Amino acid sequence: MDENSPATRKVKGVSIRKTAPPGGGVPTESPPVPNKNSIEGPAANVSPAKGGSLLNDILKLLLKILVIVLVFMLLFTFLFGTAKVQNDSMDPNVKKGDRIIYYRLDKNYVATNCVAYQYNGQTEVMRVVAVAGDTVDMTKDGLVINGALQSEPDPTKETKLTSSSVDFPIQLQKGEVFLMGDNRPESTDSRLFGPVLAKDTKGELMTVIRSET
């Protein structure tokens, strides 16, 4: 019997055929036969590769995050450094609580450079006021470098000699720098502990991130 005959009808892709029982009688409908080409539903559209693709995307994202973290760790271990300022020796330019970022590699300083230096277990910011070959003296008038009286960072505050074992005037040797804080009355610097080797500093100041407090 042809599917297009009256005894055959289709319901949503399923052929239902009417058959007559032996000896005549009323035709009955045969059980529906699914059409393989017309099966519909969510399962028909799911690709087995989609689950694996999502997992691969997640793994790639985690790998990228790991690489970025490792790069930052390497940069801030060998190239840059960061520290929180613990005193007001450079106030108002750098305040207590500020976070600094410094560059480790270039320590060929010139006068006026600001550097990070560790003293008594604390990282402090100080200014280079003299380098190798310069002669530094502390007089009643203030800081004198190579015979010239230096202007004060803050005219309202005087640069005074603190009690120390440094015998002024002093000439800086190769590789030495003389460090002072801009807030001279509150700064513990080379007036107290003398010149330091540039290689013993932590690096040149690059950025100051202001504290919210």
C-alpha atoms as a PDB file:
ATOM      1  CA  MET A   1       0.000   0.000   0.000  1.00  0.00           C
ATOM      2  CA  ASP A   2       1.341   3.415  -0.954  1.00  0.00           C
ATOM      3  CA  GLU A   3       2.002   5.937   1.821  1.00  0.00           C
ATOM      4  CA  ASN A   4       0.058   8.467  -0.194  1.00  0.00           C
ATOM      5  CA  SER A   5      -3.010   6.262  -0.318  1.00  0.00           C
ATOM      6  CA  PRO A   6      -6.029   7.078   1.851  1.00  0.00           C
ATOM      7  CA  ALA A   7      -5.188   4.194   4.144  1.00  0.00           C
ATOM      8  CA  THR A   8      -1.925   5.901   5.114  1.00  0.00           C
ATOM      9  CA  ARG A   9      -1.529   9.188   6.985  1.00  0.00           C
ATOM     10  CA  LYS A  10       1.385  11.006   8.564  1.00  0.00           C
ATOM     11  CA  VAL A  11       1.508  12.684  11.952  1.00  0.00           C
ATOM     12  CA  LYS A  12       4.548  14.933  12.452  1.00  0.00           C
ATOM     13  CA  GLY A  13       6.911  12.756  10.516  1.00  0.00           C
ATOM     14  CA  VAL A  14       5.475   9.419  11.800  1.00  0.00           C
ATOM     15  CA  SER A  15       3.713   7.157   9.301  1.00  0.00           C
ATOM     16  CA  ILE A  16       0.515   5.528  10.557  1.00  0.00           C
ATOM     17  CA  ARG A  17      -0.844   2.844   8.240  1.00  0.00           C
ATOM     18  CA  LYS A  18      -4.369   1.456   8.426  1.00  0.00           C
ATOM     19  CA  THR A  19      -4.546  -2.267   7.802  1.00  0.00           C
ATOM     20  CA  ALA A  20      -7.589  -4.467   7.366  1.00  0.00           C
ATOM     21  CA  PRO A  21      -7.808  -7.650   9.442  1.00  0.00           C
ATOM     22  CA  PRO A  22      -7.973 -10.991   7.621  1.00  0.00           C
ATOM     23  CA  GLY A  23     -11.491 -11.757   6.427  1.00  0.00           C
ATOM     24  CA  GLY A  24     -12.500  -8.128   6.241  1.00  0.00           C
ATOM     25  CA  GLY A  25     -13.772  -5.831   8.901  1.00  0.00           C
ATOM     26  CA  VAL A  26     -12.869  -2.406  10.127  1.00  0.00           C
ATOM     27  CA  PRO A  27      -9.285  -1.391   9.348  1.00  0.00           C
ATOM     28  CA  THR A  28      -7.074  -0.805  12.349  1.00  0.00           C
ATOM     29  CA  GLU A  29      -4.091   1.554  12.722  1.00  0.00           C
ATOM     30  CA  SER A  30      -0.623   0.013  12.918  1.00  0.00           C
ATOM     31  CA  PRO A  31       1.727   1.215  15.701  1.00  0.00           C
ATOM     32  CA  PRO A  32       3.469   4.437  14.723  1.00  0.00           C
ATOM     33  CA  VAL A  33       6.854   3.970  13.062  1.00  0.00           C
ATOM     34  CA  PRO A  34       9.253   6.847  13.868  1.00  0.00           C
ATOM     35  CA  ASN A  35      10.894   8.513  10.917  1.00  0.00           C
ATOM     36  CA  LYS A  36      14.627   8.644  11.668  1.00  0.00           C
ATOM     37  CA  ASN A  37      15.067  11.806   9.643  1.00  0.00           C
ATOM     38  CA  SER A  38      12.358  13.675  11.570  1.00  0.00           C
ATOM     39  CA  ILE A  39      13.404  13.046  15.216  1.00  0.00           C
ATOM     40  CA  GLU A  40      13.309  16.368  17.041  1.00  0.00           C
ATOM     41  CA  GLY A  41      14.349  17.447  20.546  1.00  0.00           C
ATOM     42  CA  PRO A  42      17.270  18.835  22.568  1.00  0.00           C
ATOM     43  CA  ALA A  43      19.280  15.620  22.351  1.00  0.00           C
ATOM     44  CA  ALA A  44      19.374  15.857  18.573  1.00  0.00           C
ATOM     45  CA  ASN A  45      21.181  19.211  18.698  1.00  0.00           C
ATOM     46  CA  VAL A  46      23.810  18.437  21.374  1.00  0.00           C
ATOM     47  CA  SER A  47      27.321  17.976  20.012  1.00  0.00           C
ATOM     48  CA  PRO A  48      29.666  15.776  22.089  1.00  0.00           C
ATOM     49  CA  ALA A  49      32.524  18.193  21.324  1.00  0.00           C
ATOM     50  CA  LYS A  50      30.891  21.139  23.119  1.00  0.00           C
ATOM     51  CA  GLY A  51      31.683  19.874  26.631  1.00  0.00           C
ATOM     52  CA  GLY A  52      35.340  19.333  25.763  1.00  0.00           C
ATOM     53  CA  SER A  53      35.557  22.754  24.107  1.00  0.00           C
ATOM     54  CA  LEU A  54      34.278  24.521  27.254  1.00  0.00           C
ATOM     55  CA  LEU A  55      36.801  22.673  29.414  1.00  0.00           C
ATOM     56  CA  ASN A  56      39.615  23.640  27.053  1.00  0.00           C
ATOM     57  CA  ASP A  57      38.557  27.316  27.200  1.00  0.00           C
ATOM     58  CA  ILE A  58      38.609  27.250  31.008  1.00  0.00           C
ATOM     59  CA  LEU A  59      42.058  25.633  31.061  1.00  0.00           C
ATOM     60  CA  LYS A  60      43.394  28.219  28.599  1.00  0.00           C
ATOM     61  CA  LEU A  61      42.016  31.062  30.737  1.00  0.00           C
ATOM     62  CA  LEU A  62      43.624  29.634  33.892  1.00  0.00           C
ATOM     63  CA  LEU A  63      46.925  29.238  32.052  1.00  0.00           C
ATOM     64  CA  LYS A  64      46.832  32.881  30.933  1.00  0.00           C
ATOM     65  CA  ILE A  65      46.137  34.050  34.495  1.00  0.00           C
ATOM     66  CA  LEU A  66      49.015  31.927  35.788  1.00  0.00           C
ATOM     67  CA  VAL A  67      51.403  33.377  33.194  1.00  0.00           C
ATOM     68  CA  ILE A  68      50.390  36.951  34.087  1.00  0.00           C
ATOM     69  CA  VAL A  69      50.926  36.276  37.809  1.00  0.00           C
ATOM     70  CA  LEU A  70      54.355  34.755  37.138  1.00  0.00           C
ATOM     71  CA  VAL A  71      55.379  37.725  34.973  1.00  0.00           C
ATOM     72  CA  PHE A  72      54.405  40.187  37.723  1.00  0.00           C
ATOM     73  CA  MET A  73      56.288  38.131  40.312  1.00  0.00           C
ATOM     74  CA  LEU A  74      59.429  38.142  38.174  1.00  0.00           C
ATOM     75  CA  LEU A  75      59.152  41.869  37.463  1.00  0.00           C
ATOM     76  CA  PHE A  76      58.783  42.783  41.133  1.00  0.00           C
ATOM     77  CA  THR A  77      61.553  40.391  42.180  1.00  0.00           C
ATOM     78  CA  PHE A  78      64.305  41.410  39.775  1.00  0.00           C
ATOM     79  CA  LEU A  79      63.296  44.675  38.074  1.00  0.00           C
ATOM     80  CA  PHE A  80      61.047  46.656  40.390  1.00  0.00           C
ATOM     81  CA  GLY A  81      60.366  46.814  44.108  1.00  0.00           C
ATOM     82  CA  THR A  82      57.618  48.174  46.301  1.00  0.00           C
ATOM     83  CA  ALA A  83      57.429  49.237  49.939  1.00  0.00           C
ATOM     84  CA  LYS A  84      55.305  51.218  52.372  1.00  0.00           C
ATOM     85  CA  VAL A  85      56.872  54.373  53.800  1.00  0.00           C
ATOM     86  CA  GLN A  86      57.143  54.264  57.593  1.00  0.00           C
ATOM     87  CA  ASN A  87      58.183  57.841  58.446  1.00  0.00           C
ATOM     88  CA  ASP A  88      57.913  61.491  57.421  1.00  0.00           C
ATOM     89  CA  SER A  89      61.547  62.072  56.428  1.00  0.00           C
ATOM     90  CA  MET A  90      60.478  63.181  52.913  1.00  0.00           C
ATOM     91  CA  ASP A  91      57.291  65.020  53.873  1.00  0.00           C
ATOM     92  CA  PRO A  92      55.480  66.650  52.077  1.00  0.00           C
ATOM     93  CA  ASN A  93      56.718  64.990  48.857  1.00  0.00           C
ATOM     94  CA  VAL A  94      56.407  61.486  50.280  1.00  0.00           C
ATOM     95  CA  LYS A  95      54.260  60.966  53.352  1.00  0.00           C
ATOM     96  CA  LYS A  96      54.090  58.259  55.978  1.00  0.00           C
ATOM     97  CA  GLY A  97      51.808  55.468  54.774  1.00  0.00           C
ATOM     98  CA  ASP A  98      52.429  56.130  51.063  1.00  0.00           C
ATOM     99  CA  ARG A  99      53.416  53.170  48.908  1.00  0.00           C
ATOM    100  CA  ILE A 100      56.405  53.545  46.622  1.00  0.00           C
ATOM    101  CA  ILE A 101      57.623  51.686  43.533  1.00  0.00           C
ATOM    102  CA  TYR A 102      61.342  51.813  42.756  1.00  0.00           C
ATOM    103  CA  TYR A 103      63.589  50.620  39.948  1.00  0.00           C
ATOM    104  CA  ARG A 104      66.297  48.183  41.053  1.00  0.00           C
ATOM    105  CA  LEU A 105      68.730  48.037  38.144  1.00  0.00           C
ATOM    106  CA  ASP A 106      70.026  51.563  37.470  1.00  0.00           C
ATOM    107  CA  LYS A 107      72.001  52.922  40.433  1.00  0.00           C
ATOM    108  CA  ASN A 108      74.098  55.514  38.616  1.00  0.00           C
ATOM    109  CA  TYR A 109      72.560  58.296  40.665  1.00  0.00           C
ATOM    110  CA  VAL A 110      72.969  62.028  40.276  1.00  0.00           C
ATOM    111  CA  ALA A 111      72.226  64.732  42.820  1.00  0.00           C
ATOM    112  CA  THR A 112      68.461  65.303  43.369  1.00  0.00           C
ATOM    113  CA  ASN A 113      67.545  61.657  42.607  1.00  0.00           C
ATOM    114  CA  CYS A 114      65.238  60.112  45.195  1.00  0.00           C
ATOM    115  CA  VAL A 115      66.112  56.567  46.250  1.00  0.00           C
ATOM    116  CA  ALA A 116      64.770  53.811  48.472  1.00  0.00           C
ATOM    117  CA  TYR A 117      67.149  52.852  51.259  1.00  0.00           C
ATOM    118  CA  GLN A 118      66.742  50.367  54.091  1.00  0.00           C
ATOM    119  CA  TYR A 119      67.779  51.581  57.528  1.00  0.00           C
ATOM    120  CA  ASN A 120      67.076  49.765  60.804  1.00  0.00           C
ATOM    121  CA  GLY A 121      64.849  47.304  58.971  1.00  0.00           C
ATOM    122  CA  GLN A 122      62.646  49.975  57.385  1.00  0.00           C
ATOM    123  CA  THR A 123      62.590  51.100  53.764  1.00  0.00           C
ATOM    124  CA  GLU A 124      62.876  54.882  53.639  1.00  0.00           C
ATOM    125  CA  VAL A 125      62.906  57.415  50.822  1.00  0.00           C
ATOM    126  CA  MET A 126      65.823  59.842  50.737  1.00  0.00           C
ATOM    127  CA  ARG A 127      67.288  62.330  48.302  1.00  0.00           C
ATOM    128  CA  VAL A 128      70.793  62.118  46.865  1.00  0.00           C
ATOM    129  CA  VAL A 129      72.465  65.462  47.670  1.00  0.00           C
ATOM    130  CA  ALA A 130      76.038  64.542  46.728  1.00  0.00           C
ATOM    131  CA  VAL A 131      77.850  61.846  44.730  1.00  0.00           C
ATOM    132  CA  ALA A 132      81.387  60.485  44.386  1.00  0.00           C
ATOM    133  CA  GLY A 133      84.010  63.250  44.273  1.00  0.00           C
ATOM    134  CA  ASP A 134      81.831  65.833  46.055  1.00  0.00           C
ATOM    135  CA  THR A 135      82.854  67.338  49.381  1.00  0.00           C
ATOM    136  CA  VAL A 136      80.068  67.633  51.940  1.00  0.00           C
ATOM    137  CA  ASP A 137      80.189  69.868  54.991  1.00  0.00           C
ATOM    138  CA  MET A 138      77.716  70.798  57.674  1.00  0.00           C
ATOM    139  CA  THR A 139      78.078  74.312  59.061  1.00  0.00           C
ATOM    140  CA  LYS A 140      76.028  76.609  61.239  1.00  0.00           C
ATOM    141  CA  ASP A 141      74.567  78.036  58.024  1.00  0.00           C
ATOM    142  CA  GLY A 142      73.446  74.648  56.712  1.00  0.00           C
ATOM    143  CA  LEU A 143      74.496  72.109  54.104  1.00  0.00           C
ATOM    144  CA  VAL A 144      77.556  73.017  52.046  1.00  0.00           C
ATOM    145  CA  ILE A 145      78.583  70.999  48.991  1.00  0.00           C
ATOM    146  CA  ASN A 146      81.833  71.755  47.187  1.00  0.00           C
ATOM    147  CA  GLY A 147      81.993  75.070  49.007  1.00  0.00           C
ATOM    148  CA  ALA A 148      78.486  76.197  48.001  1.00  0.00           C
ATOM    149  CA  LEU A 149      75.709  76.651  50.528  1.00  0.00           C
ATOM    150  CA  GLN A 150      72.685  74.648  49.418  1.00  0.00           C
ATOM    151  CA  SER A 151      69.159  76.003  49.393  1.00  0.00           C
ATOM    152  CA  GLU A 152      66.728  74.364  51.800  1.00  0.00           C
ATOM    153  CA  PRO A 153      63.919  72.119  50.490  1.00  0.00           C
ATOM    154  CA  ASP A 154      61.640  73.907  52.953  1.00  0.00           C
ATOM    155  CA  PRO A 155      62.773  77.471  53.780  1.00  0.00           C
ATOM    156  CA  THR A 156      60.892  77.324  57.081  1.00  0.00           C
ATOM    157  CA  LYS A 157      63.036  74.403  58.312  1.00  0.00           C
ATOM    158  CA  GLU A 158      66.771  74.557  58.850  1.00  0.00           C
ATOM    159  CA  THR A 159      69.316  71.871  58.038  1.00  0.00           C
ATOM    160  CA  LYS A 160      71.181  71.193  61.255  1.00  0.00           C
ATOM    161  CA  LEU A 161      73.937  68.764  62.112  1.00  0.00           C
ATOM    162  CA  THR A 162      72.693  65.872  64.173  1.00  0.00           C
ATOM    163  CA  SER A 163      74.869  64.138  66.724  1.00  0.00           C
ATOM    164  CA  SER A 164      76.936  61.558  64.840  1.00  0.00           C
ATOM    165  CA  SER A 165      80.379  60.085  64.414  1.00  0.00           C
ATOM    166  CA  VAL A 166      80.764  61.625  60.944  1.00  0.00           C
ATOM    167  CA  ASP A 167      83.734  63.971  60.771  1.00  0.00           C
ATOM    168  CA  PHE A 168      82.818  66.887  58.477  1.00  0.00           C
ATOM    169  CA  PRO A 169      83.853  68.005  55.923  1.00  0.00           C
ATOM    170  CA  ILE A 170      83.908  64.647  54.120  1.00  0.00           C
ATOM    171  CA  GLN A 171      84.777  63.775  50.539  1.00  0.00           C
ATOM    172  CA  LEU A 172      82.749  61.023  48.946  1.00  0.00           C
ATOM    173  CA  GLN A 173      84.649  58.085  47.493  1.00  0.00           C
ATOM    174  CA  LYS A 174      83.899  56.074  44.369  1.00  0.00           C
ATOM    175  CA  GLY A 175      80.425  54.546  44.463  1.00  0.00           C
ATOM    176  CA  GLU A 176      79.299  56.586  47.488  1.00  0.00           C
ATOM    177  CA  VAL A 177      76.291  58.891  47.792  1.00  0.00           C
ATOM    178  CA  PHE A 178      75.203  61.267  50.555  1.00  0.00           C
ATOM    179  CA  LEU A 179      71.507  60.902  51.417  1.00  0.00           C
ATOM    180  CA  MET A 180      69.200  63.348  53.162  1.00  0.00           C
ATOM    181  CA  GLY A 181      65.455  63.655  53.701  1.00  0.00           C
ATOM    182  CA  ASP A 182      63.604  66.766  52.538  1.00  0.00           C
ATOM    183  CA  ASN A 183      62.022  67.060  55.979  1.00  0.00           C
ATOM    184  CA  ARG A 184      65.404  67.736  57.548  1.00  0.00           C
ATOM    185  CA  PRO A 185      64.366  68.043  61.242  1.00  0.00           C
ATOM    186  CA  GLU A 186      62.569  64.656  61.104  1.00  0.00           C
ATOM    187  CA  SER A 187      65.014  62.782  58.856  1.00  0.00           C
ATOM    188  CA  THR A 188      67.548  60.184  59.963  1.00  0.00           C
ATOM    189  CA  ASP A 189      70.061  60.282  57.116  1.00  0.00           C
ATOM    190  CA  SER A 190      73.736  60.536  56.132  1.00  0.00           C
ATOM    191  CA  ARG A 191      74.254  63.298  58.695  1.00  0.00           C
ATOM    192  CA  LEU A 192      73.974  60.480  61.226  1.00  0.00           C
ATOM    193  CA  PHE A 193      75.334  57.370  59.495  1.00  0.00           C
ATOM    194  CA  GLY A 194      77.538  58.961  56.842  1.00  0.00           C
ATOM    195  CA  PRO A 195      77.774  58.262  53.089  1.00  0.00           C
ATOM    196  CA  VAL A 196      76.440  54.962  51.764  1.00  0.00           C
ATOM    197  CA  LEU A 197      77.366  52.850  48.757  1.00  0.00           C
ATOM    198  CA  ALA A 198      74.954  53.315  45.862  1.00  0.00           C
ATOM    199  CA  LYS A 199      74.861  49.546  45.365  1.00  0.00           C
ATOM    200  CA  ASP A 200      73.491  49.165  48.897  1.00  0.00           C
ATOM    201  CA  THR A 201      70.412  51.251  48.115  1.00  0.00           C
ATOM    202  CA  LYS A 202      67.286  49.447  46.940  1.00  0.00           C
ATOM    203  CA  GLY A 203      66.762  51.528  43.811  1.00  0.00           C
ATOM    204  CA  GLU A 204      65.582  54.815  42.330  1.00  0.00           C
ATOM    205  CA  LEU A 205      62.113  56.042  43.196  1.00  0.00           C
ATOM    206  CA  MET A 206      59.670  55.785  40.286  1.00  0.00           C
ATOM    207  CA  THR A 207      56.153  56.211  41.631  1.00  0.00           C
ATOM    208  CA  VAL A 208      54.435  57.291  44.826  1.00  0.00           C
ATOM    209  CA  ILE A 209      50.957  55.929  45.527  1.00  0.00           C
ATOM    210  CA  ARG A 210      49.256  58.183  48.042  1.00  0.00           C
ATOM    211  CA  SER A 211      47.761  56.662  51.147  1.00  0.00           C
ATOM    212  CA  GLU A 212      44.023  57.212  51.640  1.00  0.00           C
ATOM    213  CA  THR A 213      44.529  58.163  55.269  1.00  0.00           C
END
